[in-house]
N, C-alpha and C. Protein backbone atom coordinates (compact mmCIF):
# COMPACT_ATOMS: atom_id res chain seq x y z
N MET A 1 0.87 -1.21 0.01
CA MET A 1 0.00 -0.04 0.05
C MET A 1 0.98 1.19 0.07
N ILE A 2 0.55 2.26 -0.80
CA ILE A 2 1.11 3.46 -0.98
C ILE A 2 0.17 4.51 -0.44
N LEU A 3 0.80 5.46 0.39
CA LEU A 3 -0.07 6.80 0.78
C LEU A 3 0.45 7.88 0.14
N GLU A 4 -0.52 8.53 -0.74
CA GLU A 4 -0.26 9.72 -1.42
C GLU A 4 -0.74 10.90 -0.33
N VAL A 5 0.41 11.76 -0.25
CA VAL A 5 -0.06 13.01 0.60
C VAL A 5 0.06 14.30 0.01
N ALA A 6 -1.02 15.07 -0.04
CA ALA A 6 -0.95 16.39 -0.75
C ALA A 6 -1.31 17.40 0.16
N MET A 7 -0.62 18.41 0.47
CA MET A 7 -1.04 19.59 1.39
C MET A 7 -1.66 20.62 0.15
N LEU A 8 -2.91 20.85 0.46
CA LEU A 8 -3.65 21.73 -0.41
C LEU A 8 -4.05 23.11 0.14
N ASP A 9 -3.30 24.16 -0.41
CA ASP A 9 -3.60 25.55 -0.11
C ASP A 9 -4.41 26.13 -1.02
N VAL A 10 -5.80 26.20 -0.69
CA VAL A 10 -6.82 26.81 -1.47
C VAL A 10 -6.84 28.33 -1.37
N LYS A 11 -7.06 28.97 -2.52
CA LYS A 11 -7.17 30.58 -2.46
C LYS A 11 -8.26 30.99 -1.52
N PRO A 12 -8.02 31.85 -0.51
CA PRO A 12 -8.92 32.25 0.39
C PRO A 12 -10.12 32.65 -0.19
N GLY A 13 -11.39 32.39 0.40
CA GLY A 13 -12.60 32.62 -0.19
C GLY A 13 -13.14 31.62 -1.05
N GLN A 14 -12.23 30.65 -1.46
CA GLN A 14 -12.80 29.76 -2.49
C GLN A 14 -13.08 28.25 -1.70
N GLU A 15 -12.84 28.27 -0.55
CA GLU A 15 -13.05 26.90 0.21
C GLU A 15 -14.34 26.37 -0.15
N GLY A 16 -15.54 27.10 -0.04
CA GLY A 16 -16.79 26.30 -0.21
C GLY A 16 -16.84 25.74 -1.64
N ALA A 17 -16.38 26.58 -2.84
CA ALA A 17 -16.46 26.03 -4.13
C ALA A 17 -15.47 24.98 -4.23
N PHE A 18 -14.36 24.91 -3.56
CA PHE A 18 -13.28 23.76 -3.63
C PHE A 18 -14.12 22.65 -3.20
N GLU A 19 -14.73 22.78 -1.97
CA GLU A 19 -15.20 21.51 -1.47
C GLU A 19 -16.41 20.93 -2.45
N ALA A 20 -17.12 21.83 -2.93
CA ALA A 20 -18.23 21.23 -3.81
C ALA A 20 -17.60 20.55 -4.99
N ALA A 21 -16.51 21.16 -5.50
CA ALA A 21 -16.00 20.44 -6.67
C ALA A 21 -15.32 19.24 -6.21
N PHE A 22 -14.61 19.14 -5.00
CA PHE A 22 -14.06 17.87 -4.62
C PHE A 22 -15.16 16.75 -4.44
N ALA A 23 -16.37 17.22 -4.07
CA ALA A 23 -17.45 16.26 -3.93
C ALA A 23 -17.73 15.55 -5.20
N GLU A 24 -17.42 16.11 -6.29
CA GLU A 24 -17.53 15.62 -7.66
C GLU A 24 -16.23 14.71 -8.03
N ALA A 25 -15.33 15.49 -7.73
CA ALA A 25 -13.85 14.79 -8.15
C ALA A 25 -13.49 13.49 -7.23
N ARG A 26 -14.00 13.55 -6.20
CA ARG A 26 -13.79 12.22 -5.31
C ARG A 26 -14.38 10.98 -5.94
N ARG A 27 -15.43 11.22 -6.81
CA ARG A 27 -15.94 9.83 -7.46
C ARG A 27 -15.12 9.43 -8.62
N ILE A 28 -14.41 10.51 -9.29
CA ILE A 28 -13.60 10.11 -10.32
C ILE A 28 -12.25 9.31 -9.69
N ILE A 29 -11.71 9.82 -8.65
CA ILE A 29 -10.48 8.99 -8.07
C ILE A 29 -10.90 7.59 -7.61
N ALA A 30 -12.22 7.53 -6.87
CA ALA A 30 -12.45 6.52 -6.29
C ALA A 30 -12.84 5.24 -7.46
N SER A 31 -12.96 5.75 -8.85
CA SER A 31 -13.11 4.71 -9.81
C SER A 31 -11.83 4.25 -10.42
N MET A 32 -10.79 4.72 -9.93
CA MET A 32 -9.52 4.40 -10.80
C MET A 32 -8.90 3.00 -10.19
N ARG A 33 -8.35 2.24 -11.00
CA ARG A 33 -7.64 0.97 -10.78
C ARG A 33 -6.76 1.17 -9.67
N GLY A 34 -6.64 0.38 -8.65
CA GLY A 34 -5.69 0.40 -7.50
C GLY A 34 -5.94 1.29 -6.37
N TYR A 35 -7.05 2.19 -6.51
CA TYR A 35 -7.53 3.07 -5.63
C TYR A 35 -7.93 2.13 -4.32
N LEU A 36 -7.67 2.55 -3.23
CA LEU A 36 -8.03 1.72 -1.88
C LEU A 36 -9.07 2.63 -1.04
N SER A 37 -8.70 4.12 -0.87
CA SER A 37 -9.45 4.90 -0.02
C SER A 37 -8.77 6.38 -0.07
N HIS A 38 -9.55 7.21 0.37
CA HIS A 38 -9.03 8.61 0.44
C HIS A 38 -9.68 9.32 1.70
N GLU A 39 -9.15 10.38 2.12
CA GLU A 39 -9.66 11.36 3.01
C GLU A 39 -9.19 12.78 2.75
N LEU A 40 -9.98 13.84 2.94
CA LEU A 40 -9.75 15.11 2.73
C LEU A 40 -9.99 15.70 4.17
N GLN A 41 -8.97 16.26 4.79
CA GLN A 41 -9.15 17.02 6.04
C GLN A 41 -8.68 18.42 5.83
N ARG A 42 -9.64 19.20 6.68
CA ARG A 42 -9.33 20.76 6.77
C ARG A 42 -8.73 21.05 7.76
N CYS A 43 -7.73 21.98 7.79
CA CYS A 43 -7.00 22.47 8.92
C CYS A 43 -7.87 23.50 9.71
N ILE A 44 -7.67 23.24 11.11
CA ILE A 44 -8.30 24.14 12.01
C ILE A 44 -7.80 25.55 12.03
N GLU A 45 -6.40 25.46 12.17
CA GLU A 45 -5.71 26.87 12.46
C GLU A 45 -5.69 27.66 11.08
N ASN A 46 -5.85 27.10 9.96
CA ASN A 46 -5.65 27.74 8.65
C ASN A 46 -6.80 27.14 7.81
N ARG A 47 -7.81 27.74 7.73
CA ARG A 47 -9.09 27.25 7.18
C ARG A 47 -8.94 27.09 5.60
N SER A 48 -7.97 27.75 5.04
CA SER A 48 -7.91 27.50 3.68
C SER A 48 -6.79 26.29 3.09
N ARG A 49 -6.48 25.80 4.23
CA ARG A 49 -5.35 24.49 3.90
C ARG A 49 -6.17 23.25 4.17
N TYR A 50 -5.84 22.35 3.26
CA TYR A 50 -6.37 20.96 3.47
C TYR A 50 -5.27 20.00 3.19
N VAL A 51 -5.51 18.81 3.66
CA VAL A 51 -4.50 17.78 3.45
C VAL A 51 -5.25 16.47 2.85
N LEU A 52 -5.00 16.08 1.75
CA LEU A 52 -5.52 14.97 0.84
C LEU A 52 -4.70 13.73 1.12
N LEU A 53 -5.25 12.52 1.52
CA LEU A 53 -4.44 11.39 1.73
C LEU A 53 -5.22 10.37 0.91
N VAL A 54 -4.40 9.70 0.17
CA VAL A 54 -5.03 8.72 -0.98
C VAL A 54 -4.25 7.55 -0.73
N ARG A 55 -4.82 6.37 -0.49
CA ARG A 55 -4.23 5.12 -0.38
C ARG A 55 -4.41 4.44 -1.76
N TRP A 56 -3.26 3.87 -2.34
CA TRP A 56 -3.15 3.28 -3.61
C TRP A 56 -2.53 1.71 -3.37
N GLU A 57 -2.80 0.86 -4.25
CA GLU A 57 -2.27 -0.29 -4.02
C GLU A 57 -0.75 -0.35 -4.49
N THR A 58 -0.53 0.47 -5.43
CA THR A 58 1.07 0.59 -5.79
C THR A 58 1.25 1.98 -6.29
N LEU A 59 2.42 2.54 -6.27
CA LEU A 59 2.84 3.71 -6.68
C LEU A 59 2.34 3.96 -8.13
N GLU A 60 2.55 3.02 -9.00
CA GLU A 60 2.16 3.11 -10.46
C GLU A 60 0.75 3.38 -10.68
N ASP A 61 0.06 2.83 -9.72
CA ASP A 61 -1.54 2.96 -9.82
C ASP A 61 -1.88 4.50 -9.84
N HIS A 62 -1.14 5.27 -9.06
CA HIS A 62 -1.34 6.84 -9.04
C HIS A 62 -0.52 7.51 -10.10
N THR A 63 0.88 7.21 -10.21
CA THR A 63 1.62 7.98 -11.05
C THR A 63 1.47 7.69 -12.66
N HIS A 64 1.04 6.43 -12.86
CA HIS A 64 0.80 6.18 -14.28
C HIS A 64 -0.60 5.81 -14.52
N GLY A 65 -1.30 5.02 -13.75
CA GLY A 65 -2.67 4.78 -14.08
C GLY A 65 -3.63 5.84 -13.83
N PHE A 66 -3.61 6.81 -12.89
CA PHE A 66 -4.36 7.82 -12.72
C PHE A 66 -3.91 9.03 -13.40
N ARG A 67 -2.64 9.35 -13.19
CA ARG A 67 -2.12 10.68 -13.81
C ARG A 67 -1.92 10.69 -15.32
N GLN A 68 -1.94 9.57 -15.81
CA GLN A 68 -2.03 9.56 -17.39
C GLN A 68 -3.27 9.03 -17.88
N SER A 69 -4.39 9.34 -17.19
CA SER A 69 -5.63 8.90 -17.73
C SER A 69 -6.55 9.91 -18.02
N ASP A 70 -7.56 9.70 -18.79
CA ASP A 70 -8.55 10.74 -19.18
C ASP A 70 -9.19 11.30 -18.08
N GLU A 71 -9.39 10.57 -16.97
CA GLU A 71 -10.13 10.86 -15.89
C GLU A 71 -9.32 11.98 -15.03
N TYR A 72 -8.06 11.89 -15.30
CA TYR A 72 -7.18 12.73 -14.48
C TYR A 72 -7.48 14.27 -15.03
N GLN A 73 -7.66 14.20 -16.43
CA GLN A 73 -7.85 15.48 -17.04
C GLN A 73 -9.19 16.11 -16.41
N ARG A 74 -10.24 15.40 -16.11
CA ARG A 74 -11.54 15.85 -15.56
C ARG A 74 -11.08 16.40 -14.18
N TRP A 75 -10.25 15.62 -13.36
CA TRP A 75 -9.97 15.88 -11.87
C TRP A 75 -9.17 17.41 -11.96
N ARG A 76 -8.30 17.40 -12.96
CA ARG A 76 -7.53 18.65 -13.00
C ARG A 76 -8.37 19.75 -13.34
N ALA A 77 -9.33 19.76 -14.22
CA ALA A 77 -10.25 20.75 -14.59
C ALA A 77 -11.06 21.20 -13.46
N LEU A 78 -11.41 20.15 -12.60
CA LEU A 78 -12.29 20.57 -11.45
C LEU A 78 -11.58 21.27 -10.26
N LEU A 79 -10.23 20.75 -10.11
CA LEU A 79 -9.71 21.30 -8.80
C LEU A 79 -8.41 22.12 -8.82
N HIS A 80 -7.55 22.00 -9.97
CA HIS A 80 -6.33 22.72 -9.89
C HIS A 80 -6.29 24.10 -10.00
N HIS A 81 -7.33 24.85 -10.39
CA HIS A 81 -7.42 26.35 -10.47
C HIS A 81 -7.65 26.86 -8.97
N PHE A 82 -8.06 25.99 -7.97
CA PHE A 82 -8.16 26.54 -6.55
C PHE A 82 -6.97 26.68 -5.89
N TYR A 83 -5.89 25.99 -6.22
CA TYR A 83 -4.58 25.94 -5.60
C TYR A 83 -3.69 27.13 -5.74
N ASP A 84 -3.13 27.70 -4.53
CA ASP A 84 -1.98 28.59 -4.63
C ASP A 84 -1.25 28.63 -3.37
N PRO A 85 0.04 28.02 -3.46
CA PRO A 85 0.68 27.60 -4.55
C PRO A 85 0.35 26.29 -4.93
N PHE A 86 0.58 25.74 -6.07
CA PHE A 86 0.39 24.30 -6.50
C PHE A 86 1.02 23.33 -5.54
N PRO A 87 0.20 22.42 -5.14
CA PRO A 87 0.62 21.47 -4.14
C PRO A 87 1.70 20.56 -4.50
N VAL A 88 2.65 20.22 -3.52
CA VAL A 88 3.69 19.17 -3.71
C VAL A 88 2.98 17.91 -3.35
N VAL A 89 3.02 16.94 -4.07
CA VAL A 89 2.51 15.55 -3.67
C VAL A 89 3.76 14.57 -3.40
N GLU A 90 3.66 13.94 -2.21
CA GLU A 90 4.56 13.02 -1.87
C GLU A 90 3.98 11.49 -1.68
N HIS A 91 4.77 10.57 -1.77
CA HIS A 91 4.31 9.12 -1.61
C HIS A 91 5.09 8.48 -0.45
N TYR A 92 4.48 7.71 0.44
CA TYR A 92 4.87 7.09 1.55
C TYR A 92 4.50 5.57 1.51
N GLU A 93 5.39 4.91 2.12
CA GLU A 93 5.31 3.39 2.16
C GLU A 93 5.36 3.02 3.70
N PRO A 94 4.77 1.88 4.20
CA PRO A 94 4.65 1.38 5.48
C PRO A 94 6.11 1.09 5.93
N VAL A 95 6.46 1.43 7.18
CA VAL A 95 7.73 1.03 7.78
C VAL A 95 7.57 -0.33 8.45
N PHE A 96 6.51 -0.50 9.19
CA PHE A 96 6.34 -1.77 9.91
C PHE A 96 5.17 -2.46 9.20
């Protein structure tokens, strides 16, 4: 299992629109091969910051299967214009 971690800084004042767009986008990612689960959490101290955690079976399910798919283009159109700056995405693997 691979954990994708993305810190999402949404443009202030766009939080509600972002959450509405994510409600649609989550169905896209959930339909992808290798997808296991996800969570979107909102920061208490900074209400414009979110963390997205996505669990994938393999790294390639995310980096190749999802990111090179037509579905990713729809995901991008729904969400990417909300971010400032554009998020850094990292992948983690279990230690134990």
